[in-house]
Amino acid sequence: MKKIERIIMKIIIIQFAFLAVSQMIHHWDLFPKLYELAEYEGVSKSNFTKILETFEQNN
């Protein structure tokens, strides 16, 4: 059981490290192309009103 707990703790630490690094990359804009991809996919902008307008027009 101790061995499994150690493995799980290592996985948690690695996941946290990757999360911290990815947050820093986005915060400091180290890869501008990555930001452009997020904008293109619509992740960073709120498109909720456009969706509502589309639904209202179809009814």
C-alpha atoms as a PDB file:
ATOM      1  CA  MET A   1       0.000   0.000   0.000  1.00  0.00           C
ATOM      2  CA  LYS A   2       2.876   2.374   0.795  1.00  0.00           C
ATOM      3  CA  LYS A   3       4.312   1.816  -2.680  1.00  0.00           C
ATOM      4  CA  ILE A   4       1.013   2.792  -4.327  1.00  0.00           C
ATOM      5  CA  GLU A   5       0.741   5.889  -2.138  1.00  0.00           C
ATOM      6  CA  ARG A   6       4.253   6.973  -3.145  1.00  0.00           C
ATOM      7  CA  ILE A   7       3.413   6.514  -6.820  1.00  0.00           C
ATOM      8  CA  ILE A   8       0.191   8.509  -6.462  1.00  0.00           C
ATOM      9  CA  MET A   9       2.022  11.317  -4.642  1.00  0.00           C
ATOM     10  CA  LYS A  10       4.645  11.455  -7.405  1.00  0.00           C
ATOM     11  CA  ILE A  11       1.912  11.660 -10.038  1.00  0.00           C
ATOM     12  CA  ILE A  12       0.198  14.476  -8.116  1.00  0.00           C
ATOM     13  CA  ILE A  13       3.455  16.429  -7.824  1.00  0.00           C
ATOM     14  CA  ILE A  14       4.215  15.978 -11.526  1.00  0.00           C
ATOM     15  CA  GLN A  15       0.695  17.087 -12.481  1.00  0.00           C
ATOM     16  CA  PHE A  16       0.998  20.182 -10.286  1.00  0.00           C
ATOM     17  CA  ALA A  17       4.371  21.024 -11.833  1.00  0.00           C
ATOM     18  CA  PHE A  18       2.958  20.773 -15.359  1.00  0.00           C
ATOM     19  CA  LEU A  19      -0.039  22.887 -14.351  1.00  0.00           C
ATOM     20  CA  ALA A  20       2.213  25.586 -12.883  1.00  0.00           C
ATOM     21  CA  VAL A  21       4.456  25.628 -15.964  1.00  0.00           C
ATOM     22  CA  SER A  22       1.519  25.839 -18.369  1.00  0.00           C
ATOM     23  CA  GLN A  23      -0.056  28.661 -16.358  1.00  0.00           C
ATOM     24  CA  MET A  24       3.229  30.583 -16.448  1.00  0.00           C
ATOM     25  CA  ILE A  25       3.534  30.043 -20.205  1.00  0.00           C
ATOM     26  CA  HIS A  26       0.071  31.507 -20.767  1.00  0.00           C
ATOM     27  CA  HIS A  27       0.488  34.312 -18.229  1.00  0.00           C
ATOM     28  CA  TRP A  28       3.837  35.531 -19.581  1.00  0.00           C
ATOM     29  CA  ASP A  29       2.829  34.877 -23.216  1.00  0.00           C
ATOM     30  CA  LEU A  30       5.981  32.885 -23.940  1.00  0.00           C
ATOM     31  CA  PHE A  31       4.474  31.245 -27.019  1.00  0.00           C
ATOM     32  CA  PRO A  32       2.389  33.832 -28.921  1.00  0.00           C
ATOM     33  CA  LYS A  33       1.307  31.213 -31.473  1.00  0.00           C
ATOM     34  CA  LEU A  34      -0.307  29.214 -28.665  1.00  0.00           C
ATOM     35  CA  TYR A  35      -2.386  32.258 -27.699  1.00  0.00           C
ATOM     36  CA  GLU A  36      -3.472  32.688 -31.320  1.00  0.00           C
ATOM     37  CA  LEU A  37      -4.596  29.054 -31.415  1.00  0.00           C
ATOM     38  CA  ALA A  38      -6.631  29.525 -28.239  1.00  0.00           C
ATOM     39  CA  GLU A  39      -8.286  32.604 -29.747  1.00  0.00           C
ATOM     40  CA  TYR A  40      -8.973  30.754 -32.999  1.00  0.00           C
ATOM     41  CA  GLU A  41     -10.629  27.904 -31.124  1.00  0.00           C
ATOM     42  CA  GLY A  42     -12.740  30.369 -29.142  1.00  0.00           C
ATOM     43  CA  VAL A  43     -11.390  29.350 -25.757  1.00  0.00           C
ATOM     44  CA  SER A  44     -10.460  32.819 -24.527  1.00  0.00           C
ATOM     45  CA  LYS A  45     -13.520  34.704 -25.768  1.00  0.00           C
ATOM     46  CA  SER A  46     -17.108  34.457 -24.664  1.00  0.00           C
ATOM     47  CA  ASN A  47     -19.309  33.404 -27.570  1.00  0.00           C
ATOM     48  CA  PHE A  48     -22.367  32.809 -25.409  1.00  0.00           C
ATOM     49  CA  THR A  49     -24.411  35.747 -26.754  1.00  0.00           C
ATOM     50  CA  LYS A  50     -23.856  34.700 -30.366  1.00  0.00           C
ATOM     51  CA  ILE A  51     -25.125  31.221 -29.552  1.00  0.00           C
ATOM     52  CA  LEU A  52     -28.231  32.656 -27.913  1.00  0.00           C
ATOM     53  CA  GLU A  53     -28.875  34.907 -30.896  1.00  0.00           C
ATOM     54  CA  THR A  54     -28.601  31.923 -33.227  1.00  0.00           C
ATOM     55  CA  PHE A  55     -31.081  29.905 -31.174  1.00  0.00           C
ATOM     56  CA  GLU A  56     -33.531  32.794 -31.038  1.00  0.00           C
ATOM     57  CA  GLN A  57     -33.405  33.277 -34.815  1.00  0.00           C
ATOM     58  CA  ASN A  58     -34.184  29.619 -35.500  1.00  0.00           C
ATOM     59  CA  ASN A  59     -37.381  29.568 -33.419  1.00  0.00           C
END
